[in-house]
Amino acid sequence: MTKVLVDTNSLIYFFDNKTDLYSEFDKSFSDSFSFYIISPCVGELKKLGRNDVIKWLGLYRINVLRTENSGKVDDNILDTAKKENLAIISSDRELLGRAKSAGIKVFKIGGRGVSTA
């Protein structure tokens, strides 16, 4: 099973486009997946007033990992992915580039769905 850490923008993308995260991965890959978000991303959603997305987390079995909110959220995402051996999904090119450089498996969101980056 591949464990995937989802960034804030990806969650908003899947929610706003009424896209089932599990179905999107199932049609693109043969592995099974579980999804995670870190607590600072939940904080970003709250700041953006996206309580609708926060409620959606439970419905889609996206686990919230409690982490220190020290520094930039992207740094927290990278640190958590490295420590917990999680892949990352994002549309943020800078974050994906930094993750790849750190040896973290990455997925990207594009016009044709989810793919490996």
C-alpha atoms as a PDB file:
ATOM      1  CA  MET A   1       0.000   0.000   0.000  1.00  0.00           C
ATOM      2  CA  THR A   2       1.257   3.463  -0.894  1.00  0.00           C
ATOM      3  CA  LYS A   3       0.720   6.172   1.704  1.00  0.00           C
ATOM      4  CA  VAL A   4       0.250   9.621   0.186  1.00  0.00           C
ATOM      5  CA  LEU A   5       0.500  13.007   1.887  1.00  0.00           C
ATOM      6  CA  VAL A   6      -1.900  15.462   0.235  1.00  0.00           C
ATOM      7  CA  ASP A   7      -1.126  19.186   0.230  1.00  0.00           C
ATOM      8  CA  THR A   8      -3.721  21.907   0.797  1.00  0.00           C
ATOM      9  CA  ASN A   9      -4.124  22.923  -2.847  1.00  0.00           C
ATOM     10  CA  SER A  10      -4.640  19.323  -3.923  1.00  0.00           C
ATOM     11  CA  LEU A  11      -7.413  18.843  -1.370  1.00  0.00           C
ATOM     12  CA  ILE A  12      -9.148  21.982  -2.565  1.00  0.00           C
ATOM     13  CA  TYR A  13      -8.736  20.873  -6.203  1.00  0.00           C
ATOM     14  CA  PHE A  14     -10.306  17.449  -5.571  1.00  0.00           C
ATOM     15  CA  PHE A  15     -13.124  18.937  -3.505  1.00  0.00           C
ATOM     16  CA  ASP A  16     -13.968  21.797  -5.883  1.00  0.00           C
ATOM     17  CA  ASN A  17     -13.890  19.496  -8.920  1.00  0.00           C
ATOM     18  CA  LYS A  18     -16.025  16.887  -7.138  1.00  0.00           C
ATOM     19  CA  THR A  19     -13.342  14.312  -7.836  1.00  0.00           C
ATOM     20  CA  ASP A  20     -13.038  11.164  -5.750  1.00  0.00           C
ATOM     21  CA  LEU A  21      -9.412  10.964  -4.670  1.00  0.00           C
ATOM     22  CA  TYR A  22      -9.473   7.152  -4.377  1.00  0.00           C
ATOM     23  CA  SER A  23     -11.100   6.656  -7.797  1.00  0.00           C
ATOM     24  CA  GLU A  24      -8.619   9.004  -9.431  1.00  0.00           C
ATOM     25  CA  PHE A  25      -5.697   6.980  -8.083  1.00  0.00           C
ATOM     26  CA  ASP A  26      -7.399   3.628  -8.782  1.00  0.00           C
ATOM     27  CA  LYS A  27      -7.844   4.411 -12.471  1.00  0.00           C
ATOM     28  CA  SER A  28      -4.237   5.591 -12.826  1.00  0.00           C
ATOM     29  CA  PHE A  29      -2.319   3.035 -10.732  1.00  0.00           C
ATOM     30  CA  SER A  30      -2.593  -0.621  -9.749  1.00  0.00           C
ATOM     31  CA  ASP A  31      -1.464  -0.163  -6.131  1.00  0.00           C
ATOM     32  CA  SER A  32      -3.803   0.577  -3.223  1.00  0.00           C
ATOM     33  CA  PHE A  33      -3.510   3.939  -1.464  1.00  0.00           C
ATOM     34  CA  SER A  34      -4.188   5.627   1.842  1.00  0.00           C
ATOM     35  CA  PHE A  35      -4.204   9.408   2.206  1.00  0.00           C
ATOM     36  CA  TYR A  36      -2.938  11.792   4.857  1.00  0.00           C
ATOM     37  CA  ILE A  37      -2.821  15.507   5.565  1.00  0.00           C
ATOM     38  CA  ILE A  38      -0.754  17.279   8.200  1.00  0.00           C
ATOM     39  CA  SER A  39      -2.305  19.496  10.845  1.00  0.00           C
ATOM     40  CA  PRO A  40      -0.717  22.730   9.461  1.00  0.00           C
ATOM     41  CA  CYS A  41      -2.620  22.082   6.199  1.00  0.00           C
ATOM     42  CA  VAL A  42      -5.835  21.915   8.205  1.00  0.00           C
ATOM     43  CA  GLY A  43      -4.802  25.276   9.662  1.00  0.00           C
ATOM     44  CA  GLU A  44      -4.413  26.653   6.128  1.00  0.00           C
ATOM     45  CA  LEU A  45      -7.897  25.403   5.248  1.00  0.00           C
ATOM     46  CA  LYS A  46      -9.304  27.142   8.328  1.00  0.00           C
ATOM     47  CA  LYS A  47      -7.564  30.413   7.396  1.00  0.00           C
ATOM     48  CA  LEU A  48      -9.055  30.126   3.906  1.00  0.00           C
ATOM     49  CA  GLY A  49     -12.524  29.549   5.391  1.00  0.00           C
ATOM     50  CA  ARG A  50     -12.716  26.108   3.777  1.00  0.00           C
ATOM     51  CA  ASN A  51     -14.613  24.284   6.516  1.00  0.00           C
ATOM     52  CA  ASP A  52     -16.405  22.418   3.718  1.00  0.00           C
ATOM     53  CA  VAL A  53     -13.110  20.758   2.765  1.00  0.00           C
ATOM     54  CA  ILE A  54     -12.292  20.006   6.420  1.00  0.00           C
ATOM     55  CA  LYS A  55     -15.606  18.136   6.794  1.00  0.00           C
ATOM     56  CA  TRP A  56     -14.831  16.234   3.593  1.00  0.00           C
ATOM     57  CA  LEU A  57     -11.592  14.857   5.134  1.00  0.00           C
ATOM     58  CA  GLY A  58     -13.535  12.505   7.406  1.00  0.00           C
ATOM     59  CA  LEU A  59     -15.900  11.386   4.685  1.00  0.00           C
ATOM     60  CA  TYR A  60     -13.000  10.376   2.466  1.00  0.00           C
ATOM     61  CA  ARG A  61     -10.950   8.731   5.221  1.00  0.00           C
ATOM     62  CA  ILE A  62      -8.084  11.190   4.939  1.00  0.00           C
ATOM     63  CA  ASN A  63      -6.055  10.861   8.121  1.00  0.00           C
ATOM     64  CA  VAL A  64      -4.768  13.973   9.871  1.00  0.00           C
ATOM     65  CA  LEU A  65      -1.207  13.676  11.153  1.00  0.00           C
ATOM     66  CA  ARG A  66      -0.401  15.962  14.080  1.00  0.00           C
ATOM     67  CA  THR A  67       2.851  17.766  13.392  1.00  0.00           C
ATOM     68  CA  GLU A  68       4.695  20.787  14.678  1.00  0.00           C
ATOM     69  CA  ASN A  69       3.672  23.973  12.923  1.00  0.00           C
ATOM     70  CA  SER A  70       7.200  25.282  12.664  1.00  0.00           C
ATOM     71  CA  GLY A  71       8.042  27.380   9.654  1.00  0.00           C
ATOM     72  CA  LYS A  72       6.546  26.982   6.220  1.00  0.00           C
ATOM     73  CA  VAL A  73       3.858  24.367   5.612  1.00  0.00           C
ATOM     74  CA  ASP A  74       5.782  22.993   2.618  1.00  0.00           C
ATOM     75  CA  ASP A  75       8.787  22.358   4.881  1.00  0.00           C
ATOM     76  CA  ASN A  76       6.480  20.497   7.289  1.00  0.00           C
ATOM     77  CA  ILE A  77       5.110  18.433   4.390  1.00  0.00           C
ATOM     78  CA  LEU A  78       8.609  17.457   3.260  1.00  0.00           C
ATOM     79  CA  ASP A  79       9.802  16.653   6.794  1.00  0.00           C
ATOM     80  CA  THR A  80       6.740  14.515   7.525  1.00  0.00           C
ATOM     81  CA  ALA A  81       6.925  12.677   4.194  1.00  0.00           C
ATOM     82  CA  LYS A  82      10.578  11.862   4.797  1.00  0.00           C
ATOM     83  CA  LYS A  83      10.084  10.747   8.423  1.00  0.00           C
ATOM     84  CA  GLU A  84       6.936   8.701   7.771  1.00  0.00           C
ATOM     85  CA  ASN A  85       7.943   7.332   4.340  1.00  0.00           C
ATOM     86  CA  LEU A  86       5.005   8.989   2.567  1.00  0.00           C
ATOM     87  CA  ALA A  87       4.648   9.989  -1.067  1.00  0.00           C
ATOM     88  CA  ILE A  88       3.368  13.511  -1.826  1.00  0.00           C
ATOM     89  CA  ILE A  89       0.660  14.708  -4.205  1.00  0.00           C
ATOM     90  CA  SER A  90       0.654  18.338  -5.278  1.00  0.00           C
ATOM     91  CA  SER A  91       0.352  20.651  -8.238  1.00  0.00           C
ATOM     92  CA  ASP A  92       3.048  22.904  -6.734  1.00  0.00           C
ATOM     93  CA  ARG A  93       6.096  22.510  -8.985  1.00  0.00           C
ATOM     94  CA  GLU A  94       8.508  23.886  -6.388  1.00  0.00           C
ATOM     95  CA  LEU A  95       7.268  21.483  -3.708  1.00  0.00           C
ATOM     96  CA  LEU A  96       7.390  18.543  -6.119  1.00  0.00           C
ATOM     97  CA  GLY A  97      10.923  19.460  -7.190  1.00  0.00           C
ATOM     98  CA  ARG A  98      12.126  19.710  -3.608  1.00  0.00           C
ATOM     99  CA  ALA A  99      10.461  16.383  -2.785  1.00  0.00           C
ATOM    100  CA  LYS A 100      12.067  14.623  -5.747  1.00  0.00           C
ATOM    101  CA  SER A 101      15.469  16.041  -4.770  1.00  0.00           C
ATOM    102  CA  ALA A 102      14.937  14.621  -1.271  1.00  0.00           C
ATOM    103  CA  GLY A 103      14.139  11.176  -2.698  1.00  0.00           C
ATOM    104  CA  ILE A 104      10.417  11.352  -1.909  1.00  0.00           C
ATOM    105  CA  LYS A 105       7.994   9.704  -4.351  1.00  0.00           C
ATOM    106  CA  VAL A 106       5.737  12.333  -5.921  1.00  0.00           C
ATOM    107  CA  PHE A 107       2.427  12.461  -7.746  1.00  0.00           C
ATOM    108  CA  LYS A 108       1.166  15.489  -9.603  1.00  0.00           C
ATOM    109  CA  ILE A 109      -2.254  16.729 -10.589  1.00  0.00           C
ATOM    110  CA  GLY A 110      -2.608  17.676 -14.210  1.00  0.00           C
ATOM    111  CA  GLY A 111      -5.215  18.130 -16.894  1.00  0.00           C
ATOM    112  CA  ARG A 112      -5.511  14.369 -17.294  1.00  0.00           C
ATOM    113  CA  GLY A 113      -5.722  13.469 -13.636  1.00  0.00           C
ATOM    114  CA  VAL A 114      -3.021  12.105 -11.380  1.00  0.00           C
ATOM    115  CA  SER A 115       0.367  10.957 -12.638  1.00  0.00           C
ATOM    116  CA  THR A 116       3.830  10.347 -11.287  1.00  0.00           C
ATOM    117  CA  ALA A 117       6.107  13.339 -11.555  1.00  0.00           C
END
